[in-house]
Amino acid sequence: MSTQSLFSVPLLRKLGVRLNIILLGIILFFLVSSGYGIWTLQQQSAQFKAVTQTYYDRSMLAAELSRDAELIATQAMEQSVTQRLSNIDANILQTDITRTFTVARNKLNAYAPEEVAVLSEIDRLTQPYFDQLVLFYNLIETQQRLQLRMNRLDRERQLWVAPYINFDVSADNGRFSTLVINLARSTLAMLDAQSPGLLARRKDQLEEFRSALESLTGLTQIQQQAREKLLENVRDTLILKDQLDSSRLETLSAMRKTRLFAQRLSSVCYDFYLLVKQRAESAAQQHSELIDRVTLQISAFSVAFLALIGLAYWFIHHYIVRRMDRLSLVMQQHATGLAAPIPQDGHDEITVIGRTFAQFVTANDLAHDQIQSARKAAEAANEKLRELNISLHMQSNTDDLTQIPNRRSFFEWLHPTYQKLAQQQHAFSILMIDIDWFKSYNDHYGHQAGDECLRHVAQLLRSATQQYSGMLARYGGEEFIVAVPNISFAQAQALADELLNTIVQANIAHGYTPKHHVTISVGLATLVHANQNYPIEKLISTADQSLYEAKSKGRSQVASREITHTLGSHV
């Protein structure tokens, strides 16, 4: 009987039936011819299991124990830096750091005298190491609590000194304000001192200011109270400074001891790992020799088995692979958009796949059209979302009332710009602008009119400054700020005069001022050579002082200062 006539039997038309017959014959031959090999493999499996459980698992546990000793030391150092005081509890930390190490240690057993000795050494070093970790965490906790107390004293000192900064008082009261500010600054300088010599000099300077403040007479009751509170704060700060320095030294010493204990424990754990590893390698070598013997025994049976595999390969290739390749090629052509006839001849499972794929192609064409429509709708929605994101970003950086950059946007631009100019030592100018008598404007014309006035002034200032590469922003209330890089002091003065004249020429009515229209006062500060030693905040403060000077001289004018270096200025 030929092959074609044999496969014309209805039952043998199914690929599954044909494959089952061939595979059953191969499996029967394999079971008969490989009985001995299976028995040998069982012996090999038993030995491999013993090697795995006895040596490999112990080797992995020993490596884990060594790794845990290293991780505990690393985590201790990281937590000492990253943990906040409220999160540090020495007892909880001791439980956390010992649990992993103890679990790994309890799984290890010694099978040789040298392993017993090494495990005993590990047990001897473990508890002192964990005790040292608890001591280290307690010192960190103490240091952080002292630092919190120091921060609280700093805040209290700032509260007592703040009322006397830039406070225009009589000559006697001016002496008191100066001593208060100098005492506060001297205290900060003493806290920043690191070397013993510098610390001693700054303490002497602090003592001079303290004595001068104590001896000052003719003070009001409020000033006497402020003096007592400030002197008490300084005394507490000096005491706490000494305690904090001592705590830092103790913490550093404990850190070094902790690291030393960790190195000792890790070294002993690694020694145990090397012992177990050596035994595992020896057992693995014996197991490898057994595998070689089994391989030779099974090779003879494999030759006959390969012959049957070859026969099965021919059948599978002729009746399955060739037809599947044809169907696969057609599917790939359809996937690339090329319509090709789908093979549907025959009566087996491949025929069912072909017919099913033909139905899928029809349904896919319909779904593709629907997907294209949905994709276009999604793209339109994404574009609208991008537009909304852009709008939200502009709103977060723009003042709602005047529609010019707000204070946040100004400082985001200012700091990187100033850093770049400081590297090149170019000139940098700050102009502080304030609308004169604006409260009176709000009181008499109403806040809605005041808002409109602010918008009008902002747009006039924008028009006058848009030719420069700097930035105009609303600083707060009726104050505006302008930062202009790379212009000279004379050019900055000309810009300030132009801003002043622009507002005057606008002639915004204000009947409750001497000039009967809205005017502005401008404070200018120009740093001739920007540098890292002169912070931008100080330049802004100088411009603000100039603004205060312009307003104190009668408003509607410009006051300017030219700063030639970081230690002095020329107005």
Protein backbone atom coordinates (compact mmCIF):
# COMPACT_ATOMS: atom_id res chain seq x y z
CA MET A 1 0.00 0.00 0.00
CA SER A 2 1.40 3.41 -0.99
CA THR A 3 1.77 6.35 1.37
CA GLN A 4 -0.99 8.35 -0.33
CA SER A 5 -3.46 5.45 -0.17
CA LEU A 6 -2.55 4.85 3.46
CA PHE A 7 -3.27 8.48 4.40
CA SER A 8 -6.56 8.40 2.51
CA VAL A 9 -8.06 6.40 5.40
CA PRO A 10 -10.47 8.83 7.14
CA LEU A 11 -8.93 8.27 10.58
CA LEU A 12 -5.40 8.94 9.30
CA ARG A 13 -6.36 12.27 7.69
CA LYS A 14 -5.92 13.94 11.06
CA LEU A 15 -2.40 15.22 11.68
CA GLY A 16 -2.81 14.53 15.37
CA VAL A 17 -3.46 10.83 14.74
CA ARG A 18 -0.43 10.53 12.45
CA LEU A 19 1.86 12.30 14.90
CA ASN A 20 0.58 10.20 17.78
CA ILE A 21 1.39 6.98 15.95
CA ILE A 22 4.92 8.11 15.11
CA LEU A 23 5.64 9.53 18.54
CA LEU A 24 4.22 6.44 20.27
CA GLY A 25 6.59 4.23 18.31
CA ILE A 26 9.56 6.45 19.20
CA ILE A 27 8.57 6.52 22.87
CA LEU A 28 8.23 2.71 23.04
CA PHE A 29 11.67 2.27 21.50
CA PHE A 30 13.09 4.85 23.86
CA LEU A 31 11.59 3.15 26.94
CA VAL A 32 12.94 -0.24 25.96
CA SER A 33 16.40 0.88 24.87
CA SER A 34 16.95 3.42 27.64
CA GLY A 35 15.95 1.39 30.69
CA TYR A 36 19.50 1.03 31.82
CA GLY A 37 20.17 4.69 31.17
CA ILE A 38 17.19 5.69 33.30
CA TRP A 39 18.41 3.58 36.20
CA THR A 40 21.84 5.16 35.92
CA LEU A 41 20.30 8.62 35.77
CA GLN A 42 18.41 7.91 38.98
CA GLN A 43 21.70 7.21 40.69
CA GLN A 44 23.14 10.38 39.22
CA SER A 45 20.09 12.37 40.36
CA ALA A 46 20.43 11.05 43.90
CA GLN A 47 24.07 12.05 44.03
CA PHE A 48 23.34 15.45 42.50
CA LYS A 49 20.63 16.04 45.08
CA ALA A 50 23.07 15.23 47.85
CA VAL A 51 25.64 17.60 46.35
CA THR A 52 23.05 20.35 46.01
CA GLN A 53 21.59 20.03 49.48
CA THR A 54 24.83 19.35 51.32
CA TYR A 55 27.30 21.60 49.56
CA TYR A 56 25.69 23.97 47.06
CA ASP A 57 22.98 25.21 49.44
CA ARG A 58 25.53 25.64 52.23
CA SER A 59 27.84 27.49 49.86
CA MET A 60 25.04 29.87 48.89
CA LEU A 61 24.12 30.41 52.56
CA ALA A 62 27.74 31.09 53.44
CA ALA A 63 27.96 33.65 50.60
CA GLU A 64 24.69 35.21 51.78
CA LEU A 65 26.04 35.46 55.33
CA SER A 66 29.17 37.25 54.09
CA ARG A 67 27.07 39.57 51.94
CA ASP A 68 24.71 40.35 54.85
CA ALA A 69 27.65 41.37 57.05
CA GLU A 70 28.73 43.85 54.36
CA LEU A 71 25.17 45.11 53.77
CA ILE A 72 24.54 45.75 57.47
CA ALA A 73 27.60 47.99 57.70
CA THR A 74 26.62 49.84 54.50
CA GLN A 75 23.02 50.30 55.61
CA ALA A 76 24.16 51.55 59.02
CA MET A 77 26.23 54.30 57.38
CA GLU A 78 23.45 55.19 54.92
CA GLN A 79 20.76 55.36 57.60
CA SER A 80 22.94 57.50 59.83
CA VAL A 81 23.01 60.11 57.04
CA THR A 82 19.52 59.80 55.56
CA GLN A 83 17.30 59.05 58.59
CA ARG A 84 15.56 61.89 60.39
CA LEU A 85 15.47 62.04 64.16
CA SER A 86 11.80 61.08 64.34
CA ASN A 87 12.50 57.89 62.40
CA ILE A 88 15.54 56.67 64.37
CA ASP A 89 14.89 54.12 67.11
CA ALA A 90 17.97 52.15 68.17
CA ASN A 91 16.00 49.13 69.41
CA ILE A 92 13.95 48.87 66.19
CA LEU A 93 17.06 49.28 64.08
CA GLN A 94 18.86 46.59 66.06
CA THR A 95 15.99 44.16 65.38
CA ASP A 96 15.92 45.01 61.66
CA ILE A 97 19.65 44.71 61.04
CA THR A 98 20.10 41.51 63.06
CA ARG A 99 17.08 39.60 61.74
CA THR A 100 18.44 38.94 58.24
CA PHE A 101 21.91 38.04 59.49
CA THR A 102 20.55 35.74 62.24
CA VAL A 103 18.24 33.88 59.84
CA ALA A 104 21.14 33.16 57.47
CA ARG A 105 23.40 32.13 60.37
CA ASN A 106 20.85 29.69 61.86
CA LYS A 107 20.62 27.85 58.54
CA LEU A 108 24.34 27.04 58.57
CA ASN A 109 25.77 23.93 60.23
CA ALA A 110 29.38 22.81 60.49
CA TYR A 111 30.49 19.42 59.06
CA ALA A 112 34.20 19.64 59.78
CA PRO A 113 36.37 20.83 62.69
CA GLU A 114 37.70 23.82 60.76
CA GLU A 115 34.11 24.89 59.95
CA VAL A 116 33.18 24.61 63.64
CA ALA A 117 36.09 26.91 64.52
CA VAL A 118 35.11 29.53 61.94
CA LEU A 119 31.42 29.49 62.95
CA SER A 120 32.45 29.91 66.59
CA GLU A 121 34.50 32.95 65.63
CA ILE A 122 31.49 34.38 63.74
CA ASP A 123 29.27 33.89 66.80
CA ARG A 124 31.90 35.53 69.01
CA LEU A 125 32.09 38.66 66.83
CA THR A 126 28.37 39.02 66.07
CA GLN A 127 27.00 40.40 69.35
CA PRO A 128 29.79 42.98 69.95
CA TYR A 129 29.24 44.21 66.39
CA PHE A 130 25.49 44.66 66.89
CA ASP A 131 26.06 46.32 70.27
CA GLN A 132 28.42 48.79 68.58
CA LEU A 133 25.75 49.51 65.93
CA VAL A 134 23.20 50.35 68.65
CA LEU A 135 25.72 52.66 70.32
CA PHE A 136 26.40 54.33 66.96
CA TYR A 137 22.69 54.94 66.32
CA ASN A 138 22.21 56.34 69.83
CA LEU A 139 25.05 58.82 69.25
CA ILE A 140 23.51 59.84 65.93
CA GLU A 141 20.19 60.38 67.71
CA THR A 142 21.85 62.51 70.41
CA GLN A 143 23.68 64.59 67.79
CA GLN A 144 20.49 65.22 65.81
CA ARG A 145 18.59 66.27 68.94
CA LEU A 146 21.34 68.75 69.79
CA GLN A 147 21.17 70.07 66.23
CA LEU A 148 17.40 70.55 66.52
CA ARG A 149 17.94 72.57 69.70
CA MET A 150 20.57 74.65 67.91
CA ASN A 151 18.14 75.32 65.04
CA ARG A 152 15.49 76.42 67.53
CA LEU A 153 17.93 78.85 69.15
CA ASP A 154 18.81 80.26 65.70
CA ARG A 155 15.15 80.90 64.93
CA GLU A 156 14.58 82.59 68.31
CA ARG A 157 17.65 84.79 67.80
CA GLN A 158 16.41 85.86 64.36
CA LEU A 159 13.04 86.85 65.83
CA TRP A 160 14.69 89.13 68.43
CA VAL A 161 17.08 90.70 65.92
CA ALA A 162 14.63 91.18 63.01
CA PRO A 163 12.95 94.39 64.34
CA TYR A 164 16.32 96.20 64.46
CA ILE A 165 17.43 95.53 60.89
CA ASN A 166 17.21 98.67 58.69
CA PHE A 167 15.40 100.47 61.54
CA ASP A 168 15.68 104.30 61.36
CA VAL A 169 15.98 105.44 64.99
CA SER A 170 17.82 108.08 67.03
CA ALA A 171 21.58 107.98 67.56
CA ASP A 172 21.36 106.17 70.91
CA ASN A 173 18.85 103.66 69.65
CA GLY A 174 20.96 103.31 66.52
CA ARG A 175 23.85 102.22 68.74
CA PHE A 176 21.61 99.58 70.34
CA SER A 177 20.41 98.28 66.93
CA THR A 178 23.99 98.09 65.65
CA LEU A 179 25.14 96.10 68.70
CA VAL A 180 22.16 93.74 68.43
CA ILE A 181 22.86 93.04 64.77
CA ASN A 182 26.63 92.69 65.30
CA LEU A 183 26.07 90.31 68.22
CA ALA A 184 23.75 88.13 66.10
CA ARG A 185 26.17 88.12 63.16
CA SER A 186 29.11 87.35 65.45
CA THR A 187 27.17 84.41 66.89
CA LEU A 188 26.57 83.02 63.38
CA ALA A 189 30.24 83.50 62.52
CA MET A 190 31.26 81.64 65.69
CA LEU A 191 28.96 78.71 64.76
CA ASP A 192 30.53 78.50 61.29
CA ALA A 193 34.11 78.40 62.67
CA GLN A 194 35.84 75.02 62.34
CA SER A 195 39.49 75.44 63.32
CA PRO A 196 40.32 76.03 67.01
CA GLY A 197 42.19 79.28 66.30
CA LEU A 198 39.38 80.80 64.27
CA LEU A 199 36.82 79.66 66.85
CA ALA A 200 38.78 81.35 69.69
CA ARG A 201 39.05 84.63 67.76
CA ARG A 202 35.35 84.68 66.95
CA LYS A 203 34.42 83.90 70.55
CA ASP A 204 36.56 86.88 71.65
CA GLN A 205 34.79 89.10 69.14
CA LEU A 206 31.43 87.77 70.37
CA GLU A 207 32.42 88.58 73.95
CA GLU A 208 33.28 92.17 72.96
CA PHE A 209 29.87 92.75 71.43
CA ARG A 210 28.13 91.07 74.35
CA SER A 211 29.96 93.22 76.90
CA ALA A 212 29.22 96.38 74.93
CA LEU A 213 25.53 95.50 74.75
CA GLU A 214 25.36 94.73 78.49
CA SER A 215 26.97 98.07 79.37
CA LEU A 216 24.62 100.10 77.15
CA THR A 217 22.34 102.42 79.13
CA GLY A 218 19.31 104.61 78.47
CA LEU A 219 17.28 101.80 76.90
CA THR A 220 13.53 101.49 76.76
CA GLN A 221 11.75 98.65 78.51
CA ILE A 222 11.23 96.82 75.19
CA GLN A 223 14.91 97.18 74.32
CA GLN A 224 15.95 95.93 77.78
CA GLN A 225 13.74 92.90 77.33
CA ALA A 226 15.14 92.25 73.86
CA ARG A 227 18.70 92.59 75.23
CA GLU A 228 18.07 90.05 78.01
CA LYS A 229 16.47 87.55 75.65
CA LEU A 230 19.28 87.92 73.11
CA LEU A 231 22.04 87.58 75.73
CA GLU A 232 20.36 84.50 77.16
CA ASN A 233 20.09 83.03 73.63
CA VAL A 234 23.80 83.66 72.99
CA ARG A 235 24.80 81.99 76.28
CA ASP A 236 22.68 78.93 75.48
CA THR A 237 24.14 78.85 71.95
CA LEU A 238 27.72 78.82 73.28
CA ILE A 239 26.97 75.95 75.65
CA LEU A 240 25.14 73.98 72.96
CA LYS A 241 27.97 74.60 70.48
CA ASP A 242 30.44 72.87 72.81
CA GLN A 243 28.04 69.97 73.38
CA LEU A 244 27.42 69.55 69.66
CA ASP A 245 31.16 69.55 68.82
CA SER A 246 31.76 66.90 71.49
CA SER A 247 28.86 64.79 70.17
CA ARG A 248 30.23 64.94 66.62
CA LEU A 249 33.62 63.67 67.78
CA GLU A 250 32.00 60.80 69.68
CA THR A 251 29.86 59.89 66.66
CA LEU A 252 32.89 59.88 64.35
CA SER A 253 34.78 57.60 66.75
CA ALA A 254 31.79 55.24 66.97
CA MET A 255 31.53 55.17 63.18
CA ARG A 256 35.16 54.10 62.88
CA LYS A 257 34.72 51.35 65.48
CA THR A 258 31.55 50.12 63.75
CA ARG A 259 33.38 49.92 60.43
CA LEU A 260 36.25 47.99 62.07
CA PHE A 261 33.83 45.46 63.64
CA ALA A 262 32.08 45.07 60.26
CA GLN A 263 35.37 44.37 58.49
CA ARG A 264 36.31 41.70 61.05
CA LEU A 265 32.93 39.95 60.88
CA SER A 266 32.80 40.12 57.08
CA SER A 267 36.31 38.66 56.84
CA VAL A 268 35.43 35.67 59.05
CA CYS A 269 32.16 35.08 57.13
CA TYR A 270 34.12 35.08 53.90
CA ASP A 271 36.59 32.53 55.34
CA PHE A 272 33.67 30.20 56.10
CA TYR A 273 32.38 30.71 52.56
CA LEU A 274 35.77 29.68 51.14
CA LEU A 275 35.74 26.47 53.23
CA VAL A 276 32.26 25.49 52.05
CA LYS A 277 33.09 26.47 48.47
CA GLN A 278 36.16 24.20 48.48
CA ARG A 279 34.05 21.21 49.63
CA ALA A 280 31.38 22.00 47.05
CA GLU A 281 33.97 22.09 44.25
CA SER A 282 35.32 18.68 45.31
CA ALA A 283 31.84 17.13 45.33
CA ALA A 284 31.05 18.73 41.97
CA GLN A 285 34.20 17.15 40.50
CA GLN A 286 33.09 13.68 41.60
CA HIS A 287 29.65 14.29 40.19
CA SER A 288 31.16 15.41 36.88
CA GLU A 289 33.05 12.12 36.56
CA LEU A 290 29.83 10.19 37.09
CA ILE A 291 28.13 12.20 34.37
CA ASP A 292 30.90 11.33 31.92
CA ARG A 293 30.38 7.61 32.52
CA VAL A 294 26.61 7.91 32.07
CA THR A 295 27.12 9.87 28.87
CA LEU A 296 29.14 7.06 27.30
CA GLN A 297 26.53 4.48 28.25
CA ILE A 298 23.66 6.46 26.75
CA SER A 299 25.50 7.36 23.52
CA ALA A 300 24.98 3.86 22.11
CA PHE A 301 21.22 4.02 22.57
CA SER A 302 21.12 7.52 21.08
CA VAL A 303 22.27 6.36 17.63
CA ALA A 304 19.18 4.22 17.08
CA PHE A 305 17.02 6.88 18.61
CA LEU A 306 18.36 9.46 16.15
CA ALA A 307 17.34 7.21 13.27
CA LEU A 308 13.75 7.26 14.46
CA ILE A 309 13.96 10.99 14.93
CA GLY A 310 15.09 11.33 11.31
CA LEU A 311 12.04 9.43 10.14
CA ALA A 312 9.79 11.60 12.27
CA TYR A 313 11.53 14.68 10.89
CA TRP A 314 10.80 13.67 7.31
CA PHE A 315 7.12 13.11 8.07
CA ILE A 316 6.75 16.37 10.00
CA HIS A 317 8.58 18.37 7.34
CA HIS A 318 6.65 16.86 4.44
CA TYR A 319 3.17 16.96 5.87
CA ILE A 320 3.36 19.78 8.40
CA VAL A 321 6.34 22.16 8.08
CA ARG A 322 6.09 22.65 4.32
CA ARG A 323 2.42 23.46 4.46
CA MET A 324 2.87 25.63 7.56
CA ASP A 325 5.64 27.56 5.78
CA ARG A 326 3.33 28.24 2.88
CA LEU A 327 0.55 29.39 5.20
CA SER A 328 3.07 31.50 7.18
CA LEU A 329 4.30 33.20 4.00
CA VAL A 330 0.75 34.10 3.05
CA MET A 331 0.14 35.48 6.54
CA GLN A 332 3.30 37.63 6.31
CA GLN A 333 2.19 38.97 2.93
CA HIS A 334 -1.14 39.94 4.42
CA ALA A 335 0.67 41.53 7.36
CA THR A 336 2.63 43.79 4.95
CA GLY A 337 -0.56 44.74 3.11
CA LEU A 338 -0.17 42.39 0.13
CA ALA A 339 -3.29 40.32 -0.46
CA ALA A 340 -2.45 36.72 -1.42
CA PRO A 341 -4.65 33.60 -1.84
CA ILE A 342 -4.98 31.75 1.46
CA PRO A 343 -4.46 27.93 1.12
CA GLN A 344 -7.58 26.08 2.34
CA ASP A 345 -7.19 22.67 0.66
CA GLY A 346 -7.13 19.45 2.71
CA HIS A 347 -9.03 18.00 5.64
CA ASP A 348 -6.69 18.35 8.63
CA GLU A 349 -5.94 20.95 11.28
CA ILE A 350 -3.78 23.12 8.97
CA THR A 351 -6.79 23.45 6.66
CA VAL A 352 -8.88 24.63 9.62
CA ILE A 353 -6.16 27.21 10.45
CA GLY A 354 -6.21 28.49 6.85
CA ARG A 355 -9.95 28.89 6.80
CA THR A 356 -9.93 30.55 10.21
CA PHE A 357 -7.22 32.97 9.07
CA ALA A 358 -9.29 33.88 6.01
CA GLN A 359 -12.14 34.83 8.33
CA PHE A 360 -9.71 36.76 10.52
CA VAL A 361 -8.40 38.74 7.53
CA THR A 362 -11.91 39.79 6.64
CA ALA A 363 -12.64 40.86 10.22
CA ASN A 364 -9.24 42.57 10.53
CA ASP A 365 -9.86 44.74 7.47
CA LEU A 366 -13.06 45.97 9.05
CA ALA A 367 -11.37 46.54 12.42
CA HIS A 368 -8.48 48.39 10.75
CA ASP A 369 -10.83 50.99 9.34
CA GLN A 370 -12.39 51.46 12.78
CA ILE A 371 -8.93 51.75 14.42
CA GLN A 372 -7.87 54.46 11.98
CA SER A 373 -10.90 56.52 12.89
CA ALA A 374 -10.22 56.03 16.61
CA ARG A 375 -6.52 56.93 16.16
CA LYS A 376 -7.39 60.24 14.51
CA ALA A 377 -9.72 61.06 17.40
CA ALA A 378 -6.98 60.16 19.93
CA GLU A 379 -4.42 62.34 18.12
CA ALA A 380 -6.81 65.29 18.23
CA ALA A 381 -7.34 64.73 21.96
CA ASN A 382 -3.56 64.52 22.58
CA GLU A 383 -2.97 67.77 20.71
CA LYS A 384 -5.59 69.49 22.84
CA LEU A 385 -3.93 68.06 25.99
CA ARG A 386 -0.53 69.45 24.89
CA GLU A 387 -2.08 72.87 24.40
CA LEU A 388 -3.61 72.71 27.89
CA ASN A 389 -0.23 71.74 29.41
CA ILE A 390 1.45 74.72 27.72
CA SER A 391 -1.30 76.99 29.03
CA LEU A 392 -0.94 75.66 32.58
CA HIS A 393 2.84 76.18 32.48
CA MET A 394 2.40 79.79 31.39
CA GLN A 395 -0.17 80.41 34.13
CA SER A 396 2.15 79.05 36.86
CA ASN A 397 4.92 81.45 35.80
CA THR A 398 2.81 84.53 34.97
CA ASP A 399 1.26 87.04 37.34
CA ASP A 400 -2.54 86.74 36.99
CA LEU A 401 -3.21 90.48 37.32
CA THR A 402 -0.47 92.10 35.21
CA GLN A 403 0.25 89.20 32.80
CA ILE A 404 4.00 89.62 33.23
CA PRO A 405 6.37 87.08 34.85
CA ASN A 406 5.77 86.54 38.55
CA ARG A 407 8.34 86.40 41.34
CA ARG A 408 8.80 82.63 41.05
CA SER A 409 9.50 82.82 37.32
CA PHE A 410 11.88 85.73 37.90
CA PHE A 411 14.09 83.82 40.37
CA GLU A 412 14.09 80.67 38.20
CA TRP A 413 15.59 82.83 35.43
CA LEU A 414 17.78 84.97 37.70
CA HIS A 415 19.98 82.37 39.45
CA PRO A 416 21.35 80.50 36.38
CA THR A 417 21.76 83.80 34.51
CA TYR A 418 23.74 85.34 37.37
CA GLN A 419 25.93 82.22 37.72
CA LYS A 420 26.85 82.44 34.03
CA LEU A 421 27.63 86.17 34.27
CA ALA A 422 29.67 85.58 37.43
CA GLN A 423 31.91 83.15 35.53
CA GLN A 424 32.51 85.80 32.85
CA GLN A 425 32.58 88.75 35.36
CA HIS A 426 30.18 90.84 33.31
CA ALA A 427 28.11 93.72 34.67
CA PHE A 428 24.68 93.09 36.18
CA SER A 429 22.00 95.62 37.17
CA ILE A 430 18.88 95.33 39.35
CA LEU A 431 16.13 98.00 39.28
CA MET A 432 13.50 98.00 42.05
CA ILE A 433 10.36 99.96 41.05
CA ASP A 434 7.55 101.10 43.33
CA ILE A 435 4.36 103.01 42.39
CA ASP A 436 4.21 106.18 44.52
CA TRP A 437 1.20 106.77 46.77
CA PHE A 438 -0.47 103.60 45.49
CA LYS A 439 -2.33 102.98 48.76
CA SER A 440 -3.89 106.39 48.42
CA TYR A 441 -4.88 105.46 44.86
CA ASN A 442 -6.63 102.31 46.10
CA ASP A 443 -8.32 104.13 48.99
CA HIS A 444 -9.83 106.87 46.79
CA TYR A 445 -10.42 105.14 43.44
CA GLY A 446 -11.16 101.61 44.64
CA HIS A 447 -9.30 98.34 44.28
CA GLN A 448 -10.64 97.61 40.79
CA ALA A 449 -9.19 100.88 39.57
CA GLY A 450 -5.99 100.03 41.46
CA ASP A 451 -5.77 96.69 39.62
CA GLU A 452 -6.25 98.46 36.29
CA CYS A 453 -3.51 100.94 37.25
CA LEU A 454 -1.15 98.05 38.03
CA ARG A 455 -1.89 96.44 34.66
CA HIS A 456 -1.33 99.73 32.83
CA VAL A 457 1.98 100.41 34.60
CA ALA A 458 3.16 96.81 33.99
CA GLN A 459 2.51 97.10 30.24
CA LEU A 460 4.31 100.48 30.09
CA LEU A 461 7.33 98.98 31.88
CA ARG A 462 7.28 95.97 29.54
CA SER A 463 7.30 98.23 26.48
CA ALA A 464 10.23 100.24 27.87
CA THR A 465 12.34 97.16 28.77
CA GLN A 466 11.58 94.76 25.92
CA GLN A 467 14.64 95.90 23.92
CA TYR A 468 16.93 94.55 26.69
CA SER A 469 17.86 90.91 27.24
CA GLY A 470 16.88 90.99 30.91
CA MET A 471 13.59 90.27 32.69
CA LEU A 472 10.75 92.34 34.13
CA ALA A 473 8.58 90.77 36.86
CA ARG A 474 6.04 91.74 39.46
CA TYR A 475 7.89 91.54 42.78
CA GLY A 476 4.84 91.93 45.02
CA GLY A 477 2.03 94.43 45.65
CA GLU A 478 2.85 97.60 43.72
CA GLU A 479 6.55 96.68 43.39
CA PHE A 480 8.25 95.56 40.18
CA ILE A 481 11.79 94.35 39.56
CA VAL A 482 13.98 94.50 36.44
CA ALA A 483 17.22 92.53 35.98
CA VAL A 484 19.44 93.54 33.06
CA PRO A 485 22.79 91.83 32.30
CA ASN A 486 25.71 93.26 30.33
CA ILE A 487 24.93 96.99 30.59
CA SER A 488 27.11 99.65 32.16
CA PHE A 489 26.15 101.80 35.15
CA ALA A 490 25.47 104.76 32.88
CA GLN A 491 23.24 102.67 30.60
CA ALA A 492 21.36 101.35 33.63
CA GLN A 493 20.81 104.93 34.86
CA ALA A 494 19.50 105.88 31.44
CA LEU A 495 17.10 102.94 31.54
CA ALA A 496 15.88 103.97 35.00
CA ASP A 497 15.27 107.55 33.78
CA GLU A 498 13.43 106.18 30.74
CA LEU A 499 11.14 104.08 32.97
CA LEU A 500 10.46 107.11 35.16
CA ASN A 501 9.62 109.32 32.16
CA THR A 502 7.46 106.61 30.52
CA ILE A 503 5.13 106.52 33.51
CA VAL A 504 5.06 110.31 33.76
CA GLN A 505 4.23 110.68 30.05
CA ALA A 506 1.39 108.18 30.39
CA ASN A 507 -0.30 110.80 32.61
CA ILE A 508 -2.38 108.34 34.63
CA ALA A 509 -4.64 110.54 36.74
CA HIS A 510 -4.03 110.48 40.50
CA GLY A 511 -5.51 113.54 42.20
CA TYR A 512 -4.16 112.65 45.59
CA THR A 513 -0.46 113.15 44.87
CA PRO A 514 1.57 116.35 44.65
CA LYS A 515 1.88 115.93 40.84
CA HIS A 516 -1.74 114.82 40.28
CA HIS A 517 -0.70 111.80 38.21
CA VAL A 518 0.83 108.39 38.86
CA THR A 519 4.61 108.35 39.30
CA ILE A 520 7.16 105.73 40.27
CA SER A 521 10.35 105.63 42.32
CA VAL A 522 13.30 103.58 41.07
CA GLY A 523 16.16 102.07 43.06
CA LEU A 524 19.15 100.97 40.93
CA ALA A 525 22.13 98.81 41.91
CA THR A 526 24.81 97.91 39.33
CA LEU A 527 27.52 95.35 40.02
CA VAL A 528 30.39 96.20 37.69
CA HIS A 529 31.92 92.73 37.79
CA ALA A 530 29.57 89.90 38.80
CA ASN A 531 31.36 87.22 40.82
CA GLN A 532 30.66 84.22 43.02
CA ASN A 533 31.68 86.10 46.19
CA TYR A 534 28.90 88.64 45.77
CA PRO A 535 25.48 86.88 46.08
CA ILE A 536 22.64 88.11 43.90
CA GLU A 537 20.43 88.49 47.00
CA LYS A 538 22.80 91.18 48.26
CA LEU A 539 22.55 93.04 44.95
CA ILE A 540 18.74 92.93 45.20
CA SER A 541 18.95 94.20 48.78
CA THR A 542 21.17 97.08 47.63
CA ALA A 543 18.65 98.00 44.91
CA ASP A 544 15.91 97.91 47.52
CA GLN A 545 17.92 100.27 49.74
CA SER A 546 18.30 102.62 46.77
CA LEU A 547 14.53 102.49 46.27
CA TYR A 548 14.02 103.37 49.92
CA GLU A 549 16.41 106.31 49.47
CA ALA A 550 14.48 107.54 46.40
CA LYS A 551 11.17 107.42 48.27
CA SER A 552 12.62 109.10 51.37
CA LYS A 553 13.85 112.00 49.19
CA GLY A 554 10.37 112.76 47.90
CA ARG A 555 9.51 109.95 45.41
CA SER A 556 9.24 110.22 41.62
CA GLN A 557 13.01 109.96 41.20
CA VAL A 558 15.91 107.53 40.74
CA ALA A 559 18.48 106.58 43.39
CA SER A 560 21.39 104.48 42.18
CA ARG A 561 24.49 102.74 43.47
CA GLU A 562 27.48 101.42 41.54
CA ILE A 563 29.23 98.47 43.22
CA THR A 564 32.82 98.09 42.06
CA HIS A 565 33.83 95.09 44.20
CA THR A 566 32.41 92.75 46.82
CA LEU A 567 33.80 94.57 49.87
CA GLY A 568 32.63 98.09 49.07
CA SER A 569 30.41 100.15 46.83
CA HIS A 570 30.36 103.51 45.16
CA VAL A 571 27.06 105.43 44.88
